[in-house]
Amino acid sequence: MQCGARGQVVRTGCALVARGLGATQIDTRAGYSSIEVTVRDGDASVTRMTSVAAIGVNHRLDQAVRRLARGAADRTPAAVVADLEQLQAATPRHPPWLVAVAVGLACAAFGKLIGVDWPAFPAVAVAAGIGQYLRHQLLHRGVNVFVMAVVVAFVAAALGVLGARAMGSATAYTAMIASILLLVPGVPALNAQSDIIEGDPTLGSARAVWVAMLLIFVVAGVVIAQALTGATP
């Protein structure tokens, strides 16, 4: 759930672990901020609920946890817990500067697709890269995700339009929009649709509301940047 997996993936993983460790039946409720599991073995049953930490996107850790769930039958319960803790601590991450460079180039490339001219290309890359690095730093310090969205959208949009103007671009406004594409919540939006289609409307609706709220705060940051820089379509 923390890695951004769909609700069906979470339930499947819970079932694989429980049955691999000897349970005969498992019922799981995956909510946006909590998971509730009831495990049965004959007439005995136990129900537990746990909170979900801040949800992000980490496909490498997601795949590692899925492999652990599939192999739970070959381990003891203590070994499964130890392996899970090891995965959380040891799964490698790309350094923040590399992610910032990659995100900057990706936003600049998307900018070309929506009409940014070549003089604005480096401006978008730099603005989006700085925005991504700022997002990493704010989230690492525990800043509210919606506050982060406003701040990053404002900084990236302002830098994008000012940089494009400095480079002599004729598409400064489009460059401003391209600079904040890193904030588009693509994975949560797709998961919201998938959860609803797969019969989990409560979780899907919660994710959809989160996506809508995030976009509202992103727009607020862009509007502030537009007002201060005088950018117009």
Protein backbone atom coordinates (compact mmCIF):
# COMPACT_ATOMS: atom_id res chain seq x y z
CA MET A 1 0.00 0.00 0.00
CA GLN A 2 2.87 2.37 0.83
CA CYS A 3 4.43 1.65 -2.57
CA GLY A 4 1.30 2.70 -4.47
CA ALA A 5 -0.10 -0.75 -5.29
CA ARG A 6 -3.74 -1.37 -6.19
CA GLY A 7 -6.09 -2.69 -3.54
CA GLN A 8 -6.38 -6.05 -5.29
CA VAL A 9 -2.60 -6.47 -5.19
CA VAL A 10 -2.58 -5.75 -1.45
CA ARG A 11 -5.32 -8.29 -0.75
CA THR A 12 -3.59 -10.93 -2.88
CA GLY A 13 -0.32 -10.37 -1.04
CA CYS A 14 -2.00 -10.70 2.36
CA ALA A 15 -3.69 -13.93 1.27
CA LEU A 16 -0.43 -15.42 -0.03
CA VAL A 17 1.37 -14.74 3.24
CA ALA A 18 -1.45 -15.96 5.49
CA ARG A 19 -2.05 -19.17 3.56
CA GLY A 20 1.67 -19.73 3.15
CA LEU A 21 2.00 -19.66 6.94
CA GLY A 22 -0.85 -22.15 7.43
CA ALA A 23 -4.08 -20.17 7.69
CA THR A 24 -7.14 -21.69 6.02
CA GLN A 25 -9.05 -18.50 5.33
CA ILE A 26 -8.27 -14.78 5.22
CA ASP A 27 -10.50 -11.74 4.79
CA THR A 28 -8.88 -8.39 4.06
CA ARG A 29 -10.19 -4.84 3.94
CA ALA A 30 -7.78 -2.39 2.35
CA GLY A 31 -8.56 1.23 3.14
CA TYR A 32 -6.66 4.34 2.11
CA SER A 33 -4.95 4.77 5.47
CA SER A 34 -5.43 1.37 7.13
CA ILE A 35 -5.59 -2.36 6.42
CA GLU A 36 -7.77 -4.78 8.38
CA VAL A 37 -7.12 -8.52 8.23
CA THR A 38 -9.08 -11.44 9.71
CA VAL A 39 -7.26 -14.79 9.63
CA ARG A 40 -9.01 -18.09 10.37
CA ASP A 41 -7.76 -21.60 11.04
CA GLY A 42 -10.63 -23.93 11.79
CA ASP A 43 -12.76 -22.40 14.56
CA ALA A 44 -10.00 -20.02 15.67
CA SER A 45 -9.77 -16.53 14.24
CA VAL A 46 -7.95 -13.28 14.90
CA THR A 47 -8.53 -9.78 13.53
CA ARG A 48 -5.90 -7.07 13.34
CA MET A 49 -5.80 -3.57 11.91
CA THR A 50 -2.72 -1.57 11.04
CA SER A 51 -2.22 1.93 9.72
CA VAL A 52 -0.61 2.64 6.36
CA ALA A 53 2.34 5.00 6.25
CA ALA A 54 2.58 7.85 3.75
CA ILE A 55 1.69 6.49 0.32
CA GLY A 56 4.18 7.03 -2.49
CA VAL A 57 5.38 5.17 -5.56
CA ASN A 58 8.21 2.65 -5.19
CA HIS A 59 7.95 -0.12 -7.78
CA ARG A 60 11.24 -1.72 -6.77
CA LEU A 61 10.09 -2.25 -3.17
CA ASP A 62 6.64 -3.22 -4.42
CA GLN A 63 8.04 -6.05 -6.54
CA ALA A 64 10.34 -7.18 -3.71
CA VAL A 65 7.39 -7.45 -1.29
CA ARG A 66 5.40 -9.40 -3.88
CA ARG A 67 8.24 -11.90 -4.22
CA LEU A 68 8.40 -12.22 -0.45
CA ALA A 69 4.65 -12.89 -0.29
CA ARG A 70 4.91 -15.63 -2.93
CA GLY A 71 7.71 -17.33 -0.98
CA ALA A 72 6.11 -17.05 2.49
CA ALA A 73 5.28 -20.77 2.53
CA ASP A 74 9.01 -21.57 2.70
CA ARG A 75 9.67 -19.36 5.74
CA THR A 76 8.68 -19.11 9.38
CA PRO A 77 6.54 -16.19 10.58
CA ALA A 78 9.57 -14.62 12.29
CA ALA A 79 11.61 -14.97 9.10
CA VAL A 80 8.88 -13.29 7.04
CA VAL A 81 8.81 -10.33 9.44
CA ALA A 82 12.60 -10.09 9.45
CA ASP A 83 12.75 -10.27 5.65
CA LEU A 84 10.11 -7.56 5.32
CA GLU A 85 11.99 -5.23 7.66
CA GLN A 86 15.18 -5.95 5.73
CA LEU A 87 13.50 -5.10 2.44
CA GLN A 88 12.26 -1.78 3.77
CA ALA A 89 15.71 -0.87 5.03
CA ALA A 90 17.87 -2.27 2.24
CA THR A 91 15.91 -1.79 -1.00
CA PRO A 92 18.06 0.74 -2.91
CA ARG A 93 16.79 4.10 -4.09
CA HIS A 94 18.13 6.38 -6.76
CA PRO A 95 19.93 9.45 -5.36
CA PRO A 96 17.74 12.59 -5.23
CA TRP A 97 19.94 14.49 -7.69
CA LEU A 98 19.58 11.76 -10.31
CA VAL A 99 15.82 11.68 -9.90
CA ALA A 100 15.73 15.48 -10.23
CA VAL A 101 17.73 15.38 -13.47
CA ALA A 102 15.54 12.60 -14.92
CA VAL A 103 12.32 14.37 -13.94
CA GLY A 104 13.56 17.65 -15.39
CA LEU A 105 14.37 16.04 -18.73
CA ALA A 106 11.05 14.18 -18.75
CA CYS A 107 9.06 17.37 -18.16
CA ALA A 108 11.05 19.15 -20.87
CA ALA A 109 10.32 16.28 -23.27
CA PHE A 110 6.61 16.42 -22.45
CA GLY A 111 6.85 20.17 -22.95
CA LYS A 112 8.03 19.61 -26.52
CA LEU A 113 5.01 17.39 -27.08
CA ILE A 114 2.63 20.15 -25.97
CA GLY A 115 4.30 22.87 -28.00
CA VAL A 116 7.29 24.26 -26.07
CA ASP A 117 9.94 25.64 -28.43
CA TRP A 118 13.64 24.74 -28.19
CA PRO A 119 14.74 27.91 -26.33
CA ALA A 120 12.32 26.98 -23.52
CA PHE A 121 13.48 23.35 -23.37
CA PRO A 122 16.45 23.91 -21.00
CA ALA A 123 14.38 26.33 -18.90
CA VAL A 124 11.70 23.68 -18.35
CA ALA A 125 14.32 21.01 -17.58
CA VAL A 126 15.99 23.19 -14.95
CA ALA A 127 12.72 24.42 -13.41
CA ALA A 128 11.21 20.95 -13.17
CA GLY A 129 14.47 19.50 -11.83
CA ILE A 130 14.62 22.11 -9.08
CA GLY A 131 10.95 21.50 -8.34
CA GLN A 132 11.53 17.75 -8.00
CA TYR A 133 14.50 18.26 -5.68
CA LEU A 134 12.45 20.69 -3.58
CA ARG A 135 9.59 18.18 -3.43
CA HIS A 136 11.96 15.49 -2.17
CA GLN A 137 13.36 17.77 0.52
CA LEU A 138 9.94 18.93 1.73
CA LEU A 139 8.45 15.43 1.90
CA HIS A 140 11.60 14.13 3.60
CA ARG A 141 11.05 16.76 6.30
CA GLY A 142 7.43 15.70 6.81
CA VAL A 143 5.76 18.71 5.18
CA ASN A 144 2.08 18.17 4.39
CA VAL A 145 1.72 16.85 0.85
CA PHE A 146 -0.79 19.55 -0.14
CA VAL A 147 1.39 22.35 1.21
CA MET A 148 4.26 20.77 -0.72
CA ALA A 149 2.15 20.83 -3.90
CA VAL A 150 1.47 24.56 -3.62
CA VAL A 151 5.11 25.41 -2.91
CA VAL A 152 6.60 23.21 -5.63
CA ALA A 153 4.01 24.25 -8.22
CA PHE A 154 4.72 27.92 -7.51
CA VAL A 155 8.51 27.54 -7.63
CA ALA A 156 8.60 25.34 -10.73
CA ALA A 157 6.04 27.42 -12.62
CA ALA A 158 7.75 30.72 -11.79
CA LEU A 159 11.18 29.41 -12.71
CA GLY A 160 9.82 27.89 -15.91
CA VAL A 161 8.23 31.07 -17.22
CA LEU A 162 11.07 33.35 -16.12
CA GLY A 163 13.69 31.01 -17.55
CA ALA A 164 11.83 30.69 -20.84
CA ARG A 165 11.62 34.46 -21.15
CA ALA A 166 15.33 34.81 -20.40
CA MET A 167 16.07 32.31 -23.18
CA GLY A 168 13.99 34.32 -25.66
CA SER A 169 11.25 31.72 -25.94
CA ALA A 170 7.93 32.52 -27.59
CA THR A 171 6.16 29.82 -25.54
CA ALA A 172 6.82 31.01 -21.99
CA TYR A 173 3.30 30.23 -20.77
CA THR A 174 3.43 26.69 -22.14
CA ALA A 175 6.84 26.30 -20.51
CA MET A 176 5.29 27.27 -17.18
CA ILE A 177 2.69 24.50 -17.52
CA ALA A 178 5.30 21.94 -18.61
CA SER A 179 7.43 22.75 -15.57
CA ILE A 180 4.77 21.48 -13.13
CA LEU A 181 3.96 18.21 -14.90
CA LEU A 182 6.03 16.37 -12.28
CA LEU A 183 3.17 16.99 -9.84
CA VAL A 184 0.54 15.19 -11.93
CA PRO A 185 -0.54 12.20 -9.74
CA GLY A 186 -0.64 9.63 -12.54
CA VAL A 187 -0.22 6.44 -10.49
CA PRO A 188 -2.84 7.34 -7.82
CA ALA A 189 -5.28 8.38 -10.56
CA LEU A 190 -4.87 5.07 -12.41
CA ASN A 191 -5.13 3.14 -9.14
CA ALA A 192 -8.35 4.96 -8.26
CA GLN A 193 -9.91 3.84 -11.54
CA SER A 194 -8.56 0.29 -11.17
CA ASP A 195 -9.84 -0.06 -7.59
CA ILE A 196 -13.34 1.02 -8.59
CA ILE A 197 -13.38 -1.29 -11.64
CA GLU A 198 -12.08 -4.22 -9.55
CA GLY A 199 -14.92 -3.88 -7.04
CA ASP A 200 -13.34 -1.67 -4.36
CA PRO A 201 -15.26 1.61 -4.74
CA THR A 202 -14.51 2.88 -1.23
CA LEU A 203 -10.74 2.76 -1.68
CA GLY A 204 -10.99 3.99 -5.26
CA SER A 205 -13.17 6.94 -4.25
CA ALA A 206 -10.77 7.89 -1.44
CA ARG A 207 -7.88 7.87 -3.89
CA ALA A 208 -9.88 9.90 -6.41
CA VAL A 209 -10.65 12.55 -3.77
CA TRP A 210 -6.94 12.69 -2.84
CA VAL A 211 -6.04 13.19 -6.51
CA ALA A 212 -8.63 15.95 -6.92
CA MET A 213 -7.42 17.75 -3.77
CA LEU A 214 -3.80 17.55 -4.89
CA LEU A 215 -4.65 19.00 -8.30
CA ILE A 216 -6.51 21.88 -6.65
CA PHE A 217 -3.42 22.80 -4.64
CA VAL A 218 -1.19 22.45 -7.71
CA VAL A 219 -3.46 24.85 -9.60
CA ALA A 220 -3.30 27.26 -6.66
CA GLY A 221 0.50 27.33 -6.88
CA VAL A 222 0.38 27.91 -10.65
CA VAL A 223 -2.16 30.72 -10.28
CA ILE A 224 0.06 32.48 -7.72
CA ALA A 225 3.07 32.15 -10.04
CA GLN A 226 1.02 33.40 -12.99
CA ALA A 227 -0.16 36.43 -11.02
CA LEU A 228 3.35 37.37 -9.88
CA THR A 229 5.04 36.85 -13.25
CA GLY A 230 2.24 38.17 -15.45
CA ALA A 231 2.26 35.05 -17.62
CA THR A 232 -0.68 34.79 -20.01
CA PRO A 233 -1.66 32.17 -22.58
